[in-house]
Amino acid sequence: MKKMNKSLEDDLRPEYDFASMKGGVRGKYVRRFRAGTNLVLLEADIAKAFPTNAAVNEALRGLLDTTNAVRRTGGLPNKALQPASRPRRTNRQRGERPRAARR
């Protein structure tokens, strides 16, 4: 890239002299602006998953609902998760022929 030498020039016209104007206060509405604004910069891969602000809000509300539900119930159980028990398979389910009855 070429380095560009830009000298700072005062592009403001002389008739726009804000120092002589009355009532101008720098940052007069900044608190009100910051109170109603919350901007977050998303990384590119996240932005692809959430194309609109409504999609981001919906996902975050779902996460909050889940978090609140876990907190309400006291969290996850302390015991290790066990696999679900299955009923034992019979011979017919295994594909074997039934055995002849013993006498």
PDB file of N, CA and C in Angstrom:
ATOM      1  N   MET A   1       0.836  -1.180   0.000  1.00  0.00           N
ATOM      2  CA  MET A   1       0.000   0.000   0.000  1.00  0.00           C
ATOM      3  C   MET A   1       0.876   1.236   0.000  1.00  0.00           C
ATOM      4  N   LYS A   2       0.439   2.217  -0.726  1.00  0.00           N
ATOM      5  CA  LYS A   2       1.162   3.479  -0.756  1.00  0.00           C
ATOM      6  C   LYS A   2       0.779   4.299   0.462  1.00  0.00           C
ATOM      7  N   LYS A   3       1.750   4.959   0.997  1.00  0.00           N
ATOM      8  CA  LYS A   3       1.460   5.872   2.092  1.00  0.00           C
ATOM      9  C   LYS A   3       0.927   7.164   1.511  1.00  0.00           C
ATOM     10  N   MET A   4      -0.143   7.596   2.074  1.00  0.00           N
ATOM     11  CA  MET A   4      -0.748   8.823   1.570  1.00  0.00           C
ATOM     12  C   MET A   4      -0.462   9.943   2.556  1.00  0.00           C
ATOM     13  N   ASN A   5       0.039  11.005   2.063  1.00  0.00           N
ATOM     14  CA  ASN A   5       0.293  12.180   2.902  1.00  0.00           C
ATOM     15  C   ASN A   5      -0.898  13.111   2.781  1.00  0.00           C
ATOM     16  N   LYS A   6      -1.731  13.034   3.769  1.00  0.00           N
ATOM     17  CA  LYS A   6      -2.880  13.939   3.788  1.00  0.00           C
ATOM     18  C   LYS A   6      -2.641  14.960   4.878  1.00  0.00           C
ATOM     19  N   SER A   7      -2.585  16.152   4.460  1.00  0.00           N
ATOM     20  CA  SER A   7      -2.469  17.203   5.471  1.00  0.00           C
ATOM     21  C   SER A   7      -3.875  17.561   5.930  1.00  0.00           C
ATOM     22  N   LEU A   8      -4.001  17.747   7.212  1.00  0.00           N
ATOM     23  CA  LEU A   8      -5.299  18.100   7.745  1.00  0.00           C
ATOM     24  C   LEU A   8      -5.625  19.537   7.371  1.00  0.00           C
ATOM     25  N   GLU A   9      -6.680  19.658   6.646  1.00  0.00           N
ATOM     26  CA  GLU A   9      -7.103  20.985   6.220  1.00  0.00           C
ATOM     27  C   GLU A   9      -8.412  21.315   6.909  1.00  0.00           C
ATOM     28  N   ASP A  10      -8.629  22.543   7.146  1.00  0.00           N
ATOM     29  CA  ASP A  10      -9.871  22.990   7.739  1.00  0.00           C
ATOM     30  C   ASP A  10     -10.868  23.208   6.608  1.00  0.00           C
ATOM     31  N   ASP A  11     -11.750  22.211   6.423  1.00  0.00           N
ATOM     32  CA  ASP A  11     -12.730  22.291   5.342  1.00  0.00           C
ATOM     33  C   ASP A  11     -13.950  23.112   5.714  1.00  0.00           C
ATOM     34  N   LEU A  12     -14.034  23.509   6.955  1.00  0.00           N
ATOM     35  CA  LEU A  12     -15.190  24.233   7.428  1.00  0.00           C
ATOM     36  C   LEU A  12     -15.185  25.658   6.890  1.00  0.00           C
ATOM     37  N   ARG A  13     -16.296  26.075   6.380  1.00  0.00           N
ATOM     38  CA  ARG A  13     -16.399  27.424   5.846  1.00  0.00           C
ATOM     39  C   ARG A  13     -16.355  28.437   6.982  1.00  0.00           C
ATOM     40  N   PRO A  14     -15.888  29.622   6.707  1.00  0.00           N
ATOM     41  CA  PRO A  14     -15.771  30.623   7.769  1.00  0.00           C
ATOM     42  C   PRO A  14     -17.115  31.024   8.390  1.00  0.00           C
ATOM     43  N   GLU A  15     -18.192  30.928   7.639  1.00  0.00           N
ATOM     44  CA  GLU A  15     -19.481  31.329   8.198  1.00  0.00           C
ATOM     45  C   GLU A  15     -20.009  30.313   9.225  1.00  0.00           C
ATOM     46  N   TYR A  16     -19.390  29.124   9.284  1.00  0.00           N
ATOM     47  CA  TYR A  16     -19.784  28.128  10.271  1.00  0.00           C
ATOM     48  C   TYR A  16     -18.841  28.175  11.458  1.00  0.00           C
ATOM     49  N   ASP A  17     -18.860  29.241  12.185  1.00  0.00           N
ATOM     50  CA  ASP A  17     -18.000  29.384  13.354  1.00  0.00           C
ATOM     51  C   ASP A  17     -18.807  28.989  14.594  1.00  0.00           C
ATOM     52  N   PHE A  18     -18.645  27.744  15.006  1.00  0.00           N
ATOM     53  CA  PHE A  18     -19.435  27.236  16.117  1.00  0.00           C
ATOM     54  C   PHE A  18     -19.011  27.824  17.457  1.00  0.00           C
ATOM     55  N   ALA A  19     -17.798  28.308  17.557  1.00  0.00           N
ATOM     56  CA  ALA A  19     -17.337  28.885  18.818  1.00  0.00           C
ATOM     57  C   ALA A  19     -18.131  30.146  19.173  1.00  0.00           C
ATOM     58  N   SER A  20     -18.579  30.873  18.165  1.00  0.00           N
ATOM     59  CA  SER A  20     -19.317  32.112  18.443  1.00  0.00           C
ATOM     60  C   SER A  20     -20.812  31.871  18.647  1.00  0.00           C
ATOM     61  N   MET A  21     -21.297  30.665  18.388  1.00  0.00           N
ATOM     62  CA  MET A  21     -22.723  30.368  18.558  1.00  0.00           C
ATOM     63  C   MET A  21     -23.048  30.176  20.035  1.00  0.00           C
ATOM     64  N   LYS A  22     -24.254  30.550  20.401  1.00  0.00           N
ATOM     65  CA  LYS A  22     -24.691  30.422  21.787  1.00  0.00           C
ATOM     66  C   LYS A  22     -25.458  29.113  21.976  1.00  0.00           C
ATOM     67  N   GLY A  23     -25.323  28.520  23.153  1.00  0.00           N
ATOM     68  CA  GLY A  23     -26.110  27.349  23.499  1.00  0.00           C
ATOM     69  C   GLY A  23     -25.552  26.030  23.032  1.00  0.00           C
ATOM     70  N   GLY A  24     -24.504  26.037  22.294  1.00  0.00           N
ATOM     71  CA  GLY A  24     -23.921  24.787  21.826  1.00  0.00           C
ATOM     72  C   GLY A  24     -23.135  24.103  22.934  1.00  0.00           C
ATOM     73  N   VAL A  25     -23.526  22.911  23.285  1.00  0.00           N
ATOM     74  CA  VAL A  25     -22.857  22.161  24.331  1.00  0.00           C
ATOM     75  C   VAL A  25     -22.401  20.842  23.742  1.00  0.00           C
ATOM     76  N   ARG A  26     -21.125  20.550  23.902  1.00  0.00           N
ATOM     77  CA  ARG A  26     -20.591  19.301  23.363  1.00  0.00           C
ATOM     78  C   ARG A  26     -21.078  18.130  24.218  1.00  0.00           C
ATOM     79  N   GLY A  27     -21.615  17.116  23.551  1.00  0.00           N
ATOM     80  CA  GLY A  27     -22.066  15.921  24.249  1.00  0.00           C
ATOM     81  C   GLY A  27     -23.327  16.108  25.061  1.00  0.00           C
ATOM     82  N   LYS A  28     -24.190  17.009  24.639  1.00  0.00           N
ATOM     83  CA  LYS A  28     -25.386  17.336  25.403  1.00  0.00           C
ATOM     84  C   LYS A  28     -26.326  16.134  25.537  1.00  0.00           C
ATOM     85  N   TYR A  29     -26.429  15.317  24.517  1.00  0.00           N
ATOM     86  CA  TYR A  29     -27.355  14.194  24.508  1.00  0.00           C
ATOM     87  C   TYR A  29     -26.650  12.839  24.575  1.00  0.00           C
ATOM     88  N   VAL A  30     -25.382  12.815  24.920  1.00  0.00           N
ATOM     89  CA  VAL A  30     -24.627  11.572  24.874  1.00  0.00           C
ATOM     90  C   VAL A  30     -25.135  10.545  25.888  1.00  0.00           C
ATOM     91  N   ARG A  31     -25.538  10.962  27.081  1.00  0.00           N
ATOM     92  CA  ARG A  31     -26.053  10.010  28.074  1.00  0.00           C
ATOM     93  C   ARG A  31     -27.349   9.367  27.599  1.00  0.00           C
ATOM     94  N   ARG A  32     -28.231  10.167  27.046  1.00  0.00           N
ATOM     95  CA  ARG A  32     -29.496   9.649  26.546  1.00  0.00           C
ATOM     96  C   ARG A  32     -29.258   8.686  25.381  1.00  0.00           C
ATOM     97  N   PHE A  33     -28.307   8.996  24.529  1.00  0.00           N
ATOM     98  CA  PHE A  33     -27.989   8.140  23.392  1.00  0.00           C
ATOM     99  C   PHE A  33     -27.421   6.807  23.860  1.00  0.00           C
ATOM    100  N   ARG A  34     -26.481   6.850  24.793  1.00  0.00           N
ATOM    101  CA  ARG A  34     -25.845   5.616  25.273  1.00  0.00           C
ATOM    102  C   ARG A  34     -26.815   4.751  26.066  1.00  0.00           C
ATOM    103  N   ALA A  35     -27.766   5.353  26.735  1.00  0.00           N
ATOM    104  CA  ALA A  35     -28.728   4.583  27.524  1.00  0.00           C
ATOM    105  C   ALA A  35     -29.635   3.746  26.628  1.00  0.00           C
ATOM    106  N   GLY A  36     -29.950   4.228  25.448  1.00  0.00           N
ATOM    107  CA  GLY A  36     -30.863   3.520  24.558  1.00  0.00           C
ATOM    108  C   GLY A  36     -30.182   2.736  23.475  1.00  0.00           C
ATOM    109  N   THR A  37     -28.870   2.626  23.499  1.00  0.00           N
ATOM    110  CA  THR A  37     -28.153   1.954  22.431  1.00  0.00           C
ATOM    111  C   THR A  37     -27.205   0.922  23.012  1.00  0.00           C
ATOM    112  N   ASN A  38     -27.217  -0.265  22.416  1.00  0.00           N
ATOM    113  CA  ASN A  38     -26.287  -1.308  22.809  1.00  0.00           C
ATOM    114  C   ASN A  38     -25.829  -2.005  21.536  1.00  0.00           C
ATOM    115  N   LEU A  39     -24.709  -1.606  21.023  1.00  0.00           N
ATOM    116  CA  LEU A  39     -24.191  -2.174  19.791  1.00  0.00           C
ATOM    117  C   LEU A  39     -23.174  -3.255  20.111  1.00  0.00           C
ATOM    118  N   VAL A  40     -23.249  -4.357  19.375  1.00  0.00           N
ATOM    119  CA  VAL A  40     -22.309  -5.463  19.535  1.00  0.00           C
ATOM    120  C   VAL A  40     -21.814  -5.839  18.159  1.00  0.00           C
ATOM    121  N   LEU A  41     -20.518  -6.004  18.023  1.00  0.00           N
ATOM    122  CA  LEU A  41     -19.932  -6.387  16.746  1.00  0.00           C
ATOM    123  C   LEU A  41     -19.822  -7.899  16.687  1.00  0.00           C
ATOM    124  N   LEU A  42     -20.492  -8.502  15.695  1.00  0.00           N
ATOM    125  CA  LEU A  42     -20.456  -9.952  15.527  1.00  0.00           C
ATOM    126  C   LEU A  42     -19.347 -10.325  14.561  1.00  0.00           C
ATOM    127  N   GLU A  43     -18.721 -11.461  14.819  1.00  0.00           N
ATOM    128  CA  GLU A  43     -17.720 -11.954  13.883  1.00  0.00           C
ATOM    129  C   GLU A  43     -18.438 -12.508  12.659  1.00  0.00           C
ATOM    130  N   ALA A  44     -17.708 -12.672  11.559  1.00  0.00           N
ATOM    131  CA  ALA A  44     -18.306 -13.020  10.274  1.00  0.00           C
ATOM    132  C   ALA A  44     -19.071 -14.337  10.315  1.00  0.00           C
ATOM    133  N   ASP A  45     -18.523 -15.369  10.959  1.00  0.00           N
ATOM    134  CA  ASP A  45     -19.197 -16.666  10.980  1.00  0.00           C
ATOM    135  C   ASP A  45     -20.483 -16.617  11.804  1.00  0.00           C
ATOM    136  N   ILE A  46     -20.504 -15.804  12.845  1.00  0.00           N
ATOM    137  CA  ILE A  46     -21.715 -15.658  13.646  1.00  0.00           C
ATOM    138  C   ILE A  46     -22.748 -14.845  12.872  1.00  0.00           C
ATOM    139  N   ALA A  47     -22.312 -13.831  12.166  1.00  0.00           N
ATOM    140  CA  ALA A  47     -23.228 -12.986  11.402  1.00  0.00           C
ATOM    141  C   ALA A  47     -23.928 -13.788  10.303  1.00  0.00           C
ATOM    142  N   LYS A  48     -23.258 -14.815   9.758  1.00  0.00           N
ATOM    143  CA  LYS A  48     -23.905 -15.658   8.743  1.00  0.00           C
ATOM    144  C   LYS A  48     -25.042 -16.464   9.350  1.00  0.00           C
ATOM    145  N   ALA A  49     -24.866 -16.904  10.590  1.00  0.00           N
ATOM    146  CA  ALA A  49     -25.902 -17.704  11.249  1.00  0.00           C
ATOM    147  C   ALA A  49     -27.089 -16.849  11.675  1.00  0.00           C
ATOM    148  N   PHE A  50     -26.846 -15.583  11.951  1.00  0.00           N
ATOM    149  CA  PHE A  50     -27.900 -14.675  12.403  1.00  0.00           C
ATOM    150  C   PHE A  50     -27.962 -13.476  11.472  1.00  0.00           C
ATOM    151  N   PRO A  51     -28.710 -13.577  10.394  1.00  0.00           N
ATOM    152  CA  PRO A  51     -28.705 -12.501   9.389  1.00  0.00           C
ATOM    153  C   PRO A  51     -29.429 -11.226   9.809  1.00  0.00           C
ATOM    154  N   THR A  52     -30.325 -11.314  10.793  1.00  0.00           N
ATOM    155  CA  THR A  52     -31.068 -10.122  11.202  1.00  0.00           C
ATOM    156  C   THR A  52     -30.966  -9.934  12.708  1.00  0.00           C
ATOM    157  N   ASN A  53     -31.280  -8.742  13.146  1.00  0.00           N
ATOM    158  CA  ASN A  53     -31.253  -8.498  14.589  1.00  0.00           C
ATOM    159  C   ASN A  53     -32.357  -9.272  15.300  1.00  0.00           C
ATOM    160  N   ALA A  54     -33.449  -9.559  14.615  1.00  0.00           N
ATOM    161  CA  ALA A  54     -34.522 -10.357  15.216  1.00  0.00           C
ATOM    162  C   ALA A  54     -34.044 -11.788  15.479  1.00  0.00           C
ATOM    163  N   ALA A  55     -33.238 -12.336  14.582  1.00  0.00           N
ATOM    164  CA  ALA A  55     -32.708 -13.691  14.771  1.00  0.00           C
ATOM    165  C   ALA A  55     -31.762 -13.740  15.967  1.00  0.00           C
ATOM    166  N   VAL A  56     -30.950 -12.721  16.130  1.00  0.00           N
ATOM    167  CA  VAL A  56     -30.040 -12.661  17.282  1.00  0.00           C
ATOM    168  C   VAL A  56     -30.841 -12.548  18.572  1.00  0.00           C
ATOM    169  N   ASN A  57     -31.833 -11.685  18.588  1.00  0.00           N
ATOM    170  CA  ASN A  57     -32.656 -11.511  19.783  1.00  0.00           C
ATOM    171  C   ASN A  57     -33.389 -12.798  20.151  1.00  0.00           C
ATOM    172  N   GLU A  58     -33.929 -13.496  19.154  1.00  0.00           N
ATOM    173  CA  GLU A  58     -34.646 -14.738  19.417  1.00  0.00           C
ATOM    174  C   GLU A  58     -33.713 -15.798  20.015  1.00  0.00           C
ATOM    175  N   ALA A  59     -32.500 -15.914  19.480  1.00  0.00           N
ATOM    176  CA  ALA A  59     -31.538 -16.891  19.999  1.00  0.00           C
ATOM    177  C   ALA A  59     -31.117 -16.543  21.426  1.00  0.00           C
ATOM    178  N   LEU A  60     -30.883 -15.271  21.687  1.00  0.00           N
ATOM    179  CA  LEU A  60     -30.470 -14.864  23.023  1.00  0.00           C
ATOM    180  C   LEU A  60     -31.605 -15.046  24.036  1.00  0.00           C
ATOM    181  N   ARG A  61     -32.850 -14.794  23.613  1.00  0.00           N
ATOM    182  CA  ARG A  61     -33.980 -15.020  24.524  1.00  0.00           C
ATOM    183  C   ARG A  61     -34.124 -16.503  24.852  1.00  0.00           C
ATOM    184  N   GLY A  62     -33.904 -17.363  23.865  1.00  0.00           N
ATOM    185  CA  GLY A  62     -33.947 -18.804  24.114  1.00  0.00           C
ATOM    186  C   GLY A  62     -32.869 -19.230  25.088  1.00  0.00           C
ATOM    187  N   LEU A  63     -31.683 -18.668  24.944  1.00  0.00           N
ATOM    188  CA  LEU A  63     -30.591 -18.979  25.859  1.00  0.00           C
ATOM    189  C   LEU A  63     -30.911 -18.506  27.275  1.00  0.00           C
ATOM    190  N   LEU A  64     -31.488 -17.326  27.392  1.00  0.00           N
ATOM    191  CA  LEU A  64     -31.876 -16.813  28.705  1.00  0.00           C
ATOM    192  C   LEU A  64     -32.968 -17.668  29.342  1.00  0.00           C
ATOM    193  N   ASP A  65     -33.942 -18.114  28.545  1.00  0.00           N
ATOM    194  CA  ASP A  65     -35.003 -18.970  29.069  1.00  0.00           C
ATOM    195  C   ASP A  65     -34.416 -20.270  29.607  1.00  0.00           C
ATOM    196  N   THR A  66     -33.482 -20.853  28.858  1.00  0.00           N
ATOM    197  CA  THR A  66     -32.845 -22.095  29.294  1.00  0.00           C
ATOM    198  C   THR A  66     -32.050 -21.871  30.576  1.00  0.00           C
ATOM    199  N   THR A  67     -31.305 -20.795  30.629  1.00  0.00           N
ATOM    200  CA  THR A  67     -30.508 -20.486  31.812  1.00  0.00           C
ATOM    201  C   THR A  67     -31.404 -20.283  33.033  1.00  0.00           C
ATOM    202  N   ASN A  68     -32.481 -19.552  32.862  1.00  0.00           N
ATOM    203  CA  ASN A  68     -33.404 -19.313  33.974  1.00  0.00           C
ATOM    204  C   ASN A  68     -34.066 -20.610  34.433  1.00  0.00           C
ATOM    205  N   ALA A  69     -34.409 -21.492  33.495  1.00  0.00           N
ATOM    206  CA  ALA A  69     -35.026 -22.765  33.858  1.00  0.00           C
ATOM    207  C   ALA A  69     -34.062 -23.630  34.663  1.00  0.00           C
ATOM    208  N   VAL A  70     -32.802 -23.650  34.275  1.00  0.00           N
ATOM    209  CA  VAL A  70     -31.803 -24.438  35.001  1.00  0.00           C
ATOM    210  C   VAL A  70     -31.596 -23.854  36.396  1.00  0.00           C
ATOM    211  N   ARG A  71     -31.562 -22.559  36.507  1.00  0.00           N
ATOM    212  CA  ARG A  71     -31.388 -21.922  37.815  1.00  0.00           C
ATOM    213  C   ARG A  71     -32.582 -22.172  38.724  1.00  0.00           C
ATOM    214  N   ARG A  72     -33.799 -22.157  38.158  1.00  0.00           N
ATOM    215  CA  ARG A  72     -35.011 -22.372  38.941  1.00  0.00           C
ATOM    216  C   ARG A  72     -35.057 -23.778  39.525  1.00  0.00           C
ATOM    217  N   THR A  73     -34.608 -24.756  38.757  1.00  0.00           N
ATOM    218  CA  THR A  73     -34.691 -26.144  39.202  1.00  0.00           C
ATOM    219  C   THR A  73     -33.479 -26.557  40.014  1.00  0.00           C
ATOM    220  N   GLY A  74     -32.535 -25.695  40.209  1.00  0.00           N
ATOM    221  CA  GLY A  74     -31.369 -26.020  41.018  1.00  0.00           C
ATOM    222  C   GLY A  74     -30.210 -26.581  40.223  1.00  0.00           C
ATOM    223  N   GLY A  75     -30.288 -26.542  38.937  1.00  0.00           N
ATOM    224  CA  GLY A  75     -29.176 -27.002  38.117  1.00  0.00           C
ATOM    225  C   GLY A  75     -29.301 -28.456  37.719  1.00  0.00           C
ATOM    226  N   LEU A  76     -28.253 -28.970  37.143  1.00  0.00           N
ATOM    227  CA  LEU A  76     -28.230 -30.347  36.685  1.00  0.00           C
ATOM    228  C   LEU A  76     -27.950 -31.278  37.858  1.00  0.00           C
ATOM    229  N   PRO A  77     -28.390 -32.546  37.778  1.00  0.00           N
ATOM    230  CA  PRO A  77     -28.103 -33.476  38.868  1.00  0.00           C
ATOM    231  C   PRO A  77     -26.610 -33.759  38.960  1.00  0.00           C
ATOM    232  N   ASN A  78     -26.154 -34.085  40.170  1.00  0.00           N
ATOM    233  CA  ASN A  78     -24.737 -34.332  40.381  1.00  0.00           C
ATOM    234  C   ASN A  78     -24.302 -35.720  39.941  1.00  0.00           C
ATOM    235  N   LYS A  79     -25.227 -36.657  39.800  1.00  0.00           N
ATOM    236  CA  LYS A  79     -24.830 -38.003  39.402  1.00  0.00           C
ATOM    237  C   LYS A  79     -24.535 -38.044  37.904  1.00  0.00           C
ATOM    238  N   ALA A  80     -23.682 -38.971  37.550  1.00  0.00           N
ATOM    239  CA  ALA A  80     -23.301 -39.104  36.142  1.00  0.00           C
ATOM    240  C   ALA A  80     -24.509 -39.582  35.337  1.00  0.00           C
ATOM    241  N   LEU A  81     -24.590 -39.157  34.112  1.00  0.00           N
ATOM    242  CA  LEU A  81     -25.695 -39.565  33.257  1.00  0.00           C
ATOM    243  C   LEU A  81     -25.521 -41.028  32.870  1.00  0.00           C
ATOM    244  N   GLN A  82     -26.584 -41.800  32.987  1.00  0.00           N
ATOM    245  CA  GLN A  82     -26.566 -43.213  32.651  1.00  0.00           C
ATOM    246  C   GLN A  82     -27.325 -43.409  31.346  1.00  0.00           C
ATOM    247  N   PRO A  83     -26.902 -44.387  30.553  1.00  0.00           N
ATOM    248  CA  PRO A  83     -27.660 -44.642  29.320  1.00  0.00           C
ATOM    249  C   PRO A  83     -29.052 -45.156  29.662  1.00  0.00           C
ATOM    250  N   ALA A  84     -29.982 -44.918  28.792  1.00  0.00           N
ATOM    251  CA  ALA A  84     -31.349 -45.357  29.013  1.00  0.00           C
ATOM    252  C   ALA A  84     -31.395 -46.878  29.003  1.00  0.00           C
ATOM    253  N   SER A  85     -32.169 -47.451  29.909  1.00  0.00           N
ATOM    254  CA  SER A  85     -32.257 -48.915  29.946  1.00  0.00           C
ATOM    255  C   SER A  85     -33.147 -49.375  28.806  1.00  0.00           C
ATOM    256  N   ARG A  86     -32.771 -50.533  28.233  1.00  0.00           N
ATOM    257  CA  ARG A  86     -33.534 -51.097  27.125  1.00  0.00           C
ATOM    258  C   ARG A  86     -34.081 -52.448  27.562  1.00  0.00           C
ATOM    259  N   PRO A  87     -35.256 -52.805  27.097  1.00  0.00           N
ATOM    260  CA  PRO A  87     -35.756 -54.141  27.419  1.00  0.00           C
ATOM    261  C   PRO A  87     -34.895 -55.196  26.721  1.00  0.00           C
ATOM    262  N   ARG A  88     -34.775 -56.350  27.333  1.00  0.00           N
ATOM    263  CA  ARG A  88     -33.964 -57.417  26.749  1.00  0.00           C
ATOM    264  C   ARG A  88     -34.622 -57.917  25.487  1.00  0.00           C
ATOM    265  N   ARG A  89     -33.815 -58.275  24.530  1.00  0.00           N
ATOM    266  CA  ARG A  89     -34.342 -58.779  23.261  1.00  0.00           C
ATOM    267  C   ARG A  89     -34.669 -60.258  23.376  1.00  0.00           C
ATOM    268  N   THR A  90     -35.730 -60.635  22.739  1.00  0.00           N
ATOM    269  CA  THR A  90     -36.111 -62.043  22.733  1.00  0.00           C
ATOM    270  C   THR A  90     -35.463 -62.718  21.538  1.00  0.00           C
ATOM    271  N   ASN A  91     -35.587 -64.039  21.495  1.00  0.00           N
ATOM    272  CA  ASN A  91     -35.005 -64.804  20.388  1.00  0.00           C
ATOM    273  C   ASN A  91     -35.586 -64.385  19.054  1.00  0.00           C
ATOM    274  N   ARG A  92     -36.880 -64.134  19.036  1.00  0.00           N
ATOM    275  CA  ARG A  92     -37.518 -63.749  17.769  1.00  0.00           C
ATOM    276  C   ARG A  92     -36.969 -62.419  17.249  1.00  0.00           C
ATOM    277  N   GLN A  93     -36.643 -61.517  18.131  1.00  0.00           N
ATOM    278  CA  GLN A  93     -36.100 -60.233  17.707  1.00  0.00           C
ATOM    279  C   GLN A  93     -34.683 -60.383  17.189  1.00  0.00           C
ATOM    280  N   ARG A  94     -33.958 -61.367  17.669  1.00  0.00           N
ATOM    281  CA  ARG A  94     -32.586 -61.586  17.208  1.00  0.00           C
ATOM    282  C   ARG A  94     -32.532 -62.279  15.862  1.00  0.00           C
ATOM    283  N   GLY A  95     -33.660 -62.840  15.430  1.00  0.00           N
ATOM    284  CA  GLY A  95     -33.670 -63.531  14.154  1.00  0.00           C
ATOM    285  C   GLY A  95     -33.435 -65.027  14.287  1.00  0.00           C
ATOM    286  N   GLU A  96     -33.447 -65.549  15.511  1.00  0.00           N
ATOM    287  CA  GLU A  96     -33.245 -66.977  15.723  1.00  0.00           C
ATOM    288  C   GLU A  96     -34.595 -67.683  15.687  1.00  0.00           C
ATOM    289  N   ARG A  97     -34.511 -68.977  15.402  1.00  0.00           N
ATOM    290  CA  ARG A  97     -35.733 -69.778  15.435  1.00  0.00           C
ATOM    291  C   ARG A  97     -36.047 -70.148  16.880  1.00  0.00           C
ATOM    292  N   PRO A  98     -37.317 -70.241  17.160  1.00  0.00           N
ATOM    293  CA  PRO A  98     -37.644 -70.626  18.524  1.00  0.00           C
ATOM    294  C   PRO A  98     -37.152 -72.046  18.809  1.00  0.00           C
ATOM    295  N   ARG A  99     -36.718 -72.295  20.029  1.00  0.00           N
ATOM    296  CA  ARG A  99     -36.228 -73.594  20.419  1.00  0.00           C
ATOM    297  C   ARG A  99     -37.411 -74.558  20.638  1.00  0.00           C
ATOM    298  N   ALA A 100     -37.111 -75.792  20.417  1.00  0.00           N
ATOM    299  CA  ALA A 100     -38.143 -76.801  20.659  1.00  0.00           C
ATOM    300  C   ALA A 100     -38.320 -76.955  22.164  1.00  0.00           C
ATOM    301  N   ALA A 101     -39.537 -77.182  22.544  1.00  0.00           N
ATOM    302  CA  ALA A 101     -39.851 -77.331  23.968  1.00  0.00           C
ATOM    303  C   ALA A 101     -39.201 -78.596  24.510  1.00  0.00           C
ATOM    304  N   ARG A 102     -38.647 -78.534  25.693  1.00  0.00           N
ATOM    305  CA  ARG A 102     -38.030 -79.695  26.317  1.00  0.00           C
ATOM    306  C   ARG A 102     -39.086 -80.568  26.960  1.00  0.00           C
ATOM    307  N   ARG A 103     -38.851 -81.900  26.918  1.00  0.00           N
ATOM    308  CA  ARG A 103     -39.793 -82.812  27.539  1.00  0.00           C
ATOM    309  C   ARG A 103     -39.212 -83.504  28.682  1.00  0.00           C
TER     310      ARG A 103
END
